[in-house]
PDB file of N, CA and C in Angstrom:
ATOM      1  N   MET A   1       0.649  -0.867  -0.045  1.00  0.00           N
ATOM      2  CA  MET A   1       0.056   0.000  -0.245  1.00  0.00           C
ATOM      3  C   MET A   1       1.094   1.300   0.099  1.00  0.00           C
ATOM      4  N   GLY A   2       0.334   1.924  -1.151  1.00  0.00           N
ATOM      5  CA  GLY A   2       1.231   3.596  -1.050  1.00  0.00           C
ATOM      6  C   GLY A   2       0.785   4.619  -0.397  1.00  0.00           C
ATOM      7  N   THR A   3       1.736   5.430  -0.345  1.00  0.00           N
ATOM      8  CA  THR A   3       1.102   6.561   0.645  1.00  0.00           C
ATOM      9  C   THR A   3      -0.300   7.234  -0.295  1.00  0.00           C
ATOM     10  N   LEU A   4       0.006   7.672  -1.224  1.00  0.00           N
ATOM     11  CA  LEU A   4      -1.511   8.105  -1.781  1.00  0.00           C
ATOM     12  C   LEU A   4      -2.820   7.122  -1.655  1.00  0.00           C
ATOM     13  N   GLU A   5      -2.743   5.777  -1.470  1.00  0.00           N
ATOM     14  CA  GLU A   5      -3.737   4.786  -1.172  1.00  0.00           C
ATOM     15  C   GLU A   5      -4.474   4.931   0.361  1.00  0.00           C
ATOM     16  N   ILE A   6      -3.294   5.300   1.105  1.00  0.00           N
ATOM     17  CA  ILE A   6      -3.682   5.413   2.653  1.00  0.00           C
ATOM     18  C   ILE A   6      -3.612   6.913   2.775  1.00  0.00           C
ATOM     19  N   VAL A   7      -3.321   7.754   1.578  1.00  0.00           N
ATOM     20  CA  VAL A   7      -4.241   9.427   2.582  1.00  0.00           C
ATOM     21  C   VAL A   7      -5.662   9.179   1.592  1.00  0.00           C
ATOM     22  N   MET A   8      -6.081   8.581   0.210  1.00  0.00           N
ATOM     23  CA  MET A   8      -7.296   8.461  -0.197  1.00  0.00           C
ATOM     24  C   MET A   8      -8.419   7.721   0.709  1.00  0.00           C
ATOM     25  N   GLY A   9      -7.693   6.663   1.442  1.00  0.00           N
ATOM     26  CA  GLY A   9      -8.610   5.856   2.202  1.00  0.00           C
ATOM     27  C   GLY A   9      -9.280   6.833   3.159  1.00  0.00           C
ATOM     28  N   ILE A  10      -8.376   7.579   4.244  1.00  0.00           N
ATOM     29  CA  ILE A  10      -8.597   8.123   5.042  1.00  0.00           C
ATOM     30  C   ILE A  10      -9.743   9.449   5.054  1.00  0.00           C
ATOM     31  N   ILE A  11      -9.544  10.127   3.635  1.00  0.00           N
ATOM     32  CA  ILE A  11     -10.654  10.786   3.126  1.00  0.00           C
ATOM     33  C   ILE A  11     -11.586  10.194   2.725  1.00  0.00           C
ATOM     34  N   LEU A  12     -11.741   9.107   2.489  1.00  0.00           N
ATOM     35  CA  LEU A  12     -12.802   8.272   2.487  1.00  0.00           C
ATOM     36  C   LEU A  12     -13.650   8.113   3.388  1.00  0.00           C
ATOM     37  N   LEU A  13     -13.208   7.855   4.112  1.00  0.00           N
ATOM     38  CA  LEU A  13     -13.500   7.101   5.481  1.00  0.00           C
ATOM     39  C   LEU A  13     -14.251   8.464   6.152  1.00  0.00           C
ATOM     40  N   VAL A  14     -13.275   9.969   5.958  1.00  0.00           N
ATOM     41  CA  VAL A  14     -13.759  10.894   6.912  1.00  0.00           C
ATOM     42  C   VAL A  14     -15.469  11.745   6.019  1.00  0.00           C
ATOM     43  N   PHE A  15     -15.054  11.368   4.536  1.00  0.00           N
ATOM     44  CA  PHE A  15     -16.410  11.512   3.939  1.00  0.00           C
ATOM     45  C   PHE A  15     -17.308  10.727   4.214  1.00  0.00           C
ATOM     46  N   ALA A  16     -17.019   9.526   4.554  1.00  0.00           N
ATOM     47  CA  ALA A  16     -18.238   8.435   4.911  1.00  0.00           C
ATOM     48  C   ALA A  16     -19.376   8.440   6.146  1.00  0.00           C
ATOM     49  N   LEU A  17     -17.928   8.765   7.196  1.00  0.00           N
ATOM     50  CA  LEU A  17     -18.411   9.403   8.477  1.00  0.00           C
ATOM     51  C   LEU A  17     -19.797  10.478   8.519  1.00  0.00           C
ATOM     52  N   PHE A  18     -19.164  11.938   7.590  1.00  0.00           N
ATOM     53  CA  PHE A  18     -20.002  13.005   7.049  1.00  0.00           C
ATOM     54  C   PHE A  18     -21.225  12.417   6.658  1.00  0.00           C
ATOM     55  N   LEU A  19     -21.003  11.462   5.890  1.00  0.00           N
ATOM     56  CA  LEU A  19     -22.351  11.562   5.000  1.00  0.00           C
ATOM     57  C   LEU A  19     -23.479  10.616   5.803  1.00  0.00           C
ATOM     58  N   ILE A  20     -22.747   9.990   6.972  1.00  0.00           N
ATOM     59  CA  ILE A  20     -23.612   9.259   7.727  1.00  0.00           C
ATOM     60  C   ILE A  20     -23.972  10.156   8.796  1.00  0.00           C
ATOM     61  N   VAL A  21     -23.819  11.051   9.365  1.00  0.00           N
ATOM     62  CA  VAL A  21     -24.418  12.219  10.159  1.00  0.00           C
ATOM     63  C   VAL A  21     -25.010  12.849   9.679  1.00  0.00           C
ATOM     64  N   ALA A  22     -24.777  13.165   8.053  1.00  0.00           N
ATOM     65  CA  ALA A  22     -25.088  14.245   7.386  1.00  0.00           C
ATOM     66  C   ALA A  22     -27.178  13.425   7.063  1.00  0.00           C
ATOM     67  N   VAL A  23     -27.159  12.223   7.097  1.00  0.00           N
ATOM     68  CA  VAL A  23     -28.329  11.906   6.912  1.00  0.00           C
ATOM     69  C   VAL A  23     -29.001  11.626   7.899  1.00  0.00           C
ATOM     70  N   LEU A  24     -28.366  11.369   9.110  1.00  0.00           N
ATOM     71  CA  LEU A  24     -28.935  10.684  10.454  1.00  0.00           C
ATOM     72  C   LEU A  24     -29.716  11.915  10.860  1.00  0.00           C
ATOM     73  N   MET A  25     -28.660  13.291  10.798  1.00  0.00           N
ATOM     74  CA  MET A  25     -29.451  14.698  11.203  1.00  0.00           C
ATOM     75  C   MET A  25     -30.266  15.050  10.608  1.00  0.00           C
ATOM     76  N   GLN A  26     -30.550  14.782   9.481  1.00  0.00           N
ATOM     77  CA  GLN A  26     -31.713  16.162   8.866  1.00  0.00           C
ATOM     78  C   GLN A  26     -33.107  15.147   9.202  1.00  0.00           C
ATOM     79  N   SER A  27     -34.116  15.826   9.419  1.00  0.00           N
ATOM     80  CA  SER A  27     -35.408  15.626  10.057  1.00  0.00           C
ATOM     81  C   SER A  27     -36.548  14.742   8.502  1.00  0.00           C
ATOM     82  N   ALA A  28     -36.772  13.905   8.843  1.00  0.00           N
ATOM     83  CA  ALA A  28     -38.062  13.252   7.726  1.00  0.00           C
ATOM     84  C   ALA A  28     -39.095  13.959   7.749  1.00  0.00           C
ATOM     85  N   LYS A  29     -39.959  13.926   6.505  1.00  0.00           N
ATOM     86  CA  LYS A  29     -41.148  14.154   6.450  1.00  0.00           C
ATOM     87  C   LYS A  29     -41.900  13.524   7.069  1.00  0.00           C
ATOM     88  N   ASP A  30     -41.879  12.373   7.200  1.00  0.00           N
ATOM     89  CA  ASP A  30     -42.593  11.028   8.409  1.00  0.00           C
ATOM     90  C   ASP A  30     -41.725  11.148   9.626  1.00  0.00           C
ATOM     91  N   LYS A  31     -42.471  11.539  10.810  1.00  0.00           N
ATOM     92  CA  LYS A  31     -41.964  11.800  11.815  1.00  0.00           C
ATOM     93  C   LYS A  31     -42.039  10.178  12.651  1.00  0.00           C
ATOM     94  N   ARG A  32     -41.750   9.680  12.060  1.00  0.00           N
ATOM     95  CA  ARG A  32     -42.042   8.032  12.680  1.00  0.00           C
ATOM     96  C   ARG A  32     -40.529   7.849  13.276  1.00  0.00           C
ATOM     97  N   LEU A  33     -40.206   6.908  13.084  1.00  0.00           N
ATOM     98  CA  LEU A  33     -38.327   6.305  13.695  1.00  0.00           C
ATOM     99  C   LEU A  33     -37.734   7.453  13.587  1.00  0.00           C
ATOM    100  N   SER A  34     -37.678   7.831  12.095  1.00  0.00           N
ATOM    101  CA  SER A  34     -36.832   8.777  11.549  1.00  0.00           C
ATOM    102  C   SER A  34     -36.559  10.509  12.868  1.00  0.00           C
ATOM    103  N   GLY A  35     -38.144  10.517  12.857  1.00  0.00           N
ATOM    104  CA  GLY A  35     -37.752  11.401  14.064  1.00  0.00           C
ATOM    105  C   GLY A  35     -37.761  11.490  15.107  1.00  0.00           C
ATOM    106  N   ALA A  36     -37.861  10.639  15.807  1.00  0.00           N
ATOM    107  CA  ALA A  36     -37.012  10.314  17.107  1.00  0.00           C
ATOM    108  C   ALA A  36     -35.560  10.468  17.350  1.00  0.00           C
ATOM    109  N   ILE A  37     -35.086   9.789  15.684  1.00  0.00           N
ATOM    110  CA  ILE A  37     -33.249  10.395  16.031  1.00  0.00           C
ATOM    111  C   ILE A  37     -33.240  11.458  15.594  1.00  0.00           C
ATOM    112  N   ALA A  38     -33.484  12.089  14.661  1.00  0.00           N
ATOM    113  CA  ALA A  38     -33.161  13.042  14.008  1.00  0.00           C
ATOM    114  C   ALA A  38     -33.844  14.453  14.857  1.00  0.00           C
ATOM    115  N   GLY A  39     -34.960  14.468  15.571  1.00  0.00           N
ATOM    116  CA  GLY A  39     -35.776  15.106  16.555  1.00  0.00           C
ATOM    117  C   GLY A  39     -34.659  15.723  17.207  1.00  0.00           C
ATOM    118  N   GLY A  40     -33.405  15.479  17.667  1.00  0.00           N
ATOM    119  CA  GLY A  40     -32.741  15.911  18.325  1.00  0.00           C
ATOM    120  C   GLY A  40     -32.060  17.148  18.413  1.00  0.00           C
ATOM    121  N   ALA A  41     -31.831  17.248  16.981  1.00  0.00           N
ATOM    122  CA  ALA A  41     -31.507  18.161  16.581  1.00  0.00           C
ATOM    123  C   ALA A  41     -32.330  19.632  16.247  1.00  0.00           C
ATOM    124  N   GLU A  42     -33.715  19.127  16.512  1.00  0.00           N
ATOM    125  CA  GLU A  42     -34.884  20.329  16.737  1.00  0.00           C
ATOM    126  C   GLU A  42     -34.357  20.906  18.094  1.00  0.00           C
ATOM    127  N   SER A  43     -34.525  19.872  19.015  1.00  0.00           N
ATOM    128  CA  SER A  43     -34.410  20.220  20.555  1.00  0.00           C
ATOM    129  C   SER A  43     -33.348  20.507  20.973  1.00  0.00           C
ATOM    130  N   PHE A  44     -32.313  20.267  20.552  1.00  0.00           N
ATOM    131  CA  PHE A  44     -30.991  20.991  20.691  1.00  0.00           C
ATOM    132  C   PHE A  44     -30.484  22.509  20.265  1.00  0.00           C
ATOM    133  N   LEU A  45     -31.073  22.596  19.213  1.00  0.00           N
ATOM    134  CA  LEU A  45     -30.951  23.879  18.300  1.00  0.00           C
ATOM    135  C   LEU A  45     -31.809  24.464  18.622  1.00  0.00           C
ATOM    136  N   GLY A  46     -32.995  24.129  18.633  1.00  0.00           N
ATOM    137  CA  GLY A  46     -34.694  25.285  18.540  1.00  0.00           C
ATOM    138  C   GLY A  46     -34.710  25.140  17.871  1.00  0.00           C
ATOM    139  N   LYS A  47     -36.257  25.173  17.346  1.00  0.00           N
ATOM    140  CA  LYS A  47     -36.909  25.318  16.349  1.00  0.00           C
ATOM    141  C   LYS A  47     -36.217  26.375  14.961  1.00  0.00           C
ATOM    142  N   ASP A  48     -36.474  27.187  14.956  1.00  0.00           N
ATOM    143  CA  ASP A  48     -35.350  28.105  14.089  1.00  0.00           C
ATOM    144  C   ASP A  48     -34.393  27.090  13.586  1.00  0.00           C
ATOM    145  N   ARG A  49     -33.335  27.502  14.210  1.00  0.00           N
ATOM    146  CA  ARG A  49     -32.206  26.662  13.904  1.00  0.00           C
ATOM    147  C   ARG A  49     -31.923  25.602  13.361  1.00  0.00           C
ATOM    148  N   GLY A  50     -33.096  24.553  13.856  1.00  0.00           N
ATOM    149  CA  GLY A  50     -33.185  23.175  13.432  1.00  0.00           C
ATOM    150  C   GLY A  50     -33.428  23.059  11.984  1.00  0.00           C
ATOM    151  N   SER A  51     -34.640  24.062  11.955  1.00  0.00           N
ATOM    152  CA  SER A  51     -34.928  24.116  10.214  1.00  0.00           C
ATOM    153  C   SER A  51     -33.977  24.776   9.211  1.00  0.00           C
ATOM    154  N   ARG A  52     -33.116  25.575   9.819  1.00  0.00           N
ATOM    155  CA  ARG A  52     -32.050  26.175   9.169  1.00  0.00           C
ATOM    156  C   ARG A  52     -30.983  25.224   8.907  1.00  0.00           C
ATOM    157  N   LEU A  53     -30.670  24.088  10.014  1.00  0.00           N
ATOM    158  CA  LEU A  53     -30.006  23.073   9.664  1.00  0.00           C
ATOM    159  C   LEU A  53     -30.223  22.311   8.540  1.00  0.00           C
ATOM    160  N   ASP A  54     -31.720  21.947   8.224  1.00  0.00           N
ATOM    161  CA  ASP A  54     -32.074  20.759   7.772  1.00  0.00           C
ATOM    162  C   ASP A  54     -31.995  21.583   6.498  1.00  0.00           C
ATOM    163  N   LYS A  55     -32.078  22.530   6.118  1.00  0.00           N
ATOM    164  CA  LYS A  55     -31.725  23.409   4.808  1.00  0.00           C
ATOM    165  C   LYS A  55     -30.445  23.292   4.355  1.00  0.00           C
ATOM    166  N   LEU A  56     -29.644  23.604   5.378  1.00  0.00           N
ATOM    167  CA  LEU A  56     -28.148  23.240   4.724  1.00  0.00           C
ATOM    168  C   LEU A  56     -27.802  21.789   4.758  1.00  0.00           C
ATOM    169  N   LEU A  57     -28.358  21.286   5.339  1.00  0.00           N
ATOM    170  CA  LEU A  57     -27.965  19.749   5.140  1.00  0.00           C
ATOM    171  C   LEU A  57     -28.375  18.919   3.859  1.00  0.00           C
ATOM    172  N   ASN A  58     -29.657  19.324   3.355  1.00  0.00           N
ATOM    173  CA  ASN A  58     -30.682  19.151   2.187  1.00  0.00           C
ATOM    174  C   ASN A  58     -29.466  19.800   1.012  1.00  0.00           C
ATOM    175  N   ILE A  59     -28.968  20.449   1.057  1.00  0.00           N
ATOM    176  CA  ILE A  59     -27.777  21.074   0.235  1.00  0.00           C
ATOM    177  C   ILE A  59     -26.488  20.173   0.305  1.00  0.00           C
ATOM    178  N   ILE A  60     -26.016  19.970   0.933  1.00  0.00           N
ATOM    179  CA  ILE A  60     -24.613  19.332   1.276  1.00  0.00           C
ATOM    180  C   ILE A  60     -24.775  17.784   1.176  1.00  0.00           C
ATOM    181  N   THR A  61     -25.686  17.527   1.953  1.00  0.00           N
ATOM    182  CA  THR A  61     -25.742  15.894   1.590  1.00  0.00           C
ATOM    183  C   THR A  61     -25.602  15.280   0.218  1.00  0.00           C
ATOM    184  N   PRO A  62     -26.124  16.161  -1.129  1.00  0.00           N
ATOM    185  CA  PRO A  62     -26.075  15.524  -1.903  1.00  0.00           C
ATOM    186  C   PRO A  62     -24.783  15.534  -2.960  1.00  0.00           C
ATOM    187  N   ILE A  63     -24.056  16.660  -2.275  1.00  0.00           N
ATOM    188  CA  ILE A  63     -22.733  17.214  -2.574  1.00  0.00           C
ATOM    189  C   ILE A  63     -21.468  15.805  -2.387  1.00  0.00           C
ATOM    190  N   VAL A  64     -22.150  15.792  -1.170  1.00  0.00           N
ATOM    191  CA  VAL A  64     -20.945  14.744  -0.154  1.00  0.00           C
ATOM    192  C   VAL A  64     -21.201  13.431  -0.657  1.00  0.00           C
ATOM    193  N   ALA A  65     -22.593  13.262  -0.903  1.00  0.00           N
ATOM    194  CA  ALA A  65     -22.262  11.827  -1.742  1.00  0.00           C
ATOM    195  C   ALA A  65     -21.982  11.883  -2.633  1.00  0.00           C
ATOM    196  N   GLY A  66     -22.035  13.044  -4.457  1.00  0.00           N
ATOM    197  CA  GLY A  66     -21.161  12.812  -4.650  1.00  0.00           C
ATOM    198  C   GLY A  66     -19.686  12.847  -5.367  1.00  0.00           C
ATOM    199  N   VAL A  67     -19.434  13.251  -4.234  1.00  0.00           N
ATOM    200  CA  VAL A  67     -18.151  13.374  -4.063  1.00  0.00           C
ATOM    201  C   VAL A  67     -17.587  12.172  -3.190  1.00  0.00           C
ATOM    202  N   PHE A  68     -18.468  11.248  -2.420  1.00  0.00           N
ATOM    203  CA  PHE A  68     -18.198   9.908  -1.857  1.00  0.00           C
ATOM    204  C   PHE A  68     -18.271   8.977  -2.836  1.00  0.00           C
ATOM    205  N   ALA A  69     -19.085   9.413  -3.939  1.00  0.00           N
ATOM    206  CA  ALA A  69     -18.939   8.026  -5.137  1.00  0.00           C
ATOM    207  C   ALA A  69     -17.863   8.286  -6.042  1.00  0.00           C
ATOM    208  N   VAL A  70     -17.182   9.703  -6.390  1.00  0.00           N
ATOM    209  CA  VAL A  70     -16.049   9.762  -6.713  1.00  0.00           C
ATOM    210  C   VAL A  70     -15.189   9.232  -6.379  1.00  0.00           C
ATOM    211  N   LEU A  71     -14.732   9.098  -5.156  1.00  0.00           N
ATOM    212  CA  LEU A  71     -13.599   8.812  -4.493  1.00  0.00           C
ATOM    213  C   LEU A  71     -13.936   7.416  -4.064  1.00  0.00           C
ATOM    214  N   VAL A  72     -15.013   6.682  -3.990  1.00  0.00           N
ATOM    215  CA  VAL A  72     -14.618   5.258  -4.328  1.00  0.00           C
ATOM    216  C   VAL A  72     -14.485   5.193  -5.341  1.00  0.00           C
ATOM    217  N   ILE A  73     -14.745   5.474  -6.820  1.00  0.00           N
ATOM    218  CA  ILE A  73     -14.394   4.880  -8.207  1.00  0.00           C
ATOM    219  C   ILE A  73     -12.904   5.224  -8.022  1.00  0.00           C
ATOM    220  N   VAL A  74     -12.363   6.143  -7.969  1.00  0.00           N
ATOM    221  CA  VAL A  74     -10.754   6.713  -8.039  1.00  0.00           C
ATOM    222  C   VAL A  74      -9.916   5.299  -7.259  1.00  0.00           C
ATOM    223  N   MET A  75     -10.655   5.106  -5.992  1.00  0.00           N
ATOM    224  CA  MET A  75     -10.157   4.344  -4.794  1.00  0.00           C
ATOM    225  C   MET A  75      -9.900   2.891  -5.801  1.00  0.00           C
ATOM    226  N   TYR A  76     -11.133   2.553  -6.560  1.00  0.00           N
ATOM    227  CA  TYR A  76     -11.122   1.257  -7.364  1.00  0.00           C
ATOM    228  C   TYR A  76     -10.498   1.561  -8.418  1.00  0.00           C
ATOM    229  N   CYS A  77      -9.705   2.312  -9.221  1.00  0.00           N
ATOM    230  CA  CYS A  77      -9.228   2.183 -10.108  1.00  0.00           C
ATOM    231  C   CYS A  77      -7.514   2.081  -9.277  1.00  0.00           C
ATOM    232  N   ILE A  78      -7.314   2.922  -8.553  1.00  0.00           N
ATOM    233  CA  ILE A  78      -6.375   3.207  -8.387  1.00  0.00           C
ATOM    234  C   ILE A  78      -5.544   1.744  -7.550  1.00  0.00           C
ATOM    235  N   VAL A  79      -6.478   0.988  -6.819  1.00  0.00           N
ATOM    236  CA  VAL A  79      -6.319  -0.339  -6.371  1.00  0.00           C
ATOM    237  C   VAL A  79      -6.156  -1.313  -7.448  1.00  0.00           C
ATOM    238  N   ALA A  80      -7.264  -1.626  -8.338  1.00  0.00           N
ATOM    239  CA  ALA A  80      -7.332  -2.533  -9.295  1.00  0.00           C
ATOM    240  C   ALA A  80      -5.650  -2.553 -10.053  1.00  0.00           C
TER     241      ALA A  80
END
């Protein structure tokens, strides 16, 4: 394993963790199980800050998911 593979692996892990956290922090339209998990953002940050956080996460999550997918493909090409 070269240095490039290690660095790319660490970056991939960071993006994966951020993607998991971003998805779990979003509040769903359906307030069943996901509302119990993500509802903490609203009670912790307040109603207004919770909605601003949702708007920000709705913008950032697809971008991070796209970068994550590209990194996975690049890692596959480097290792293969």
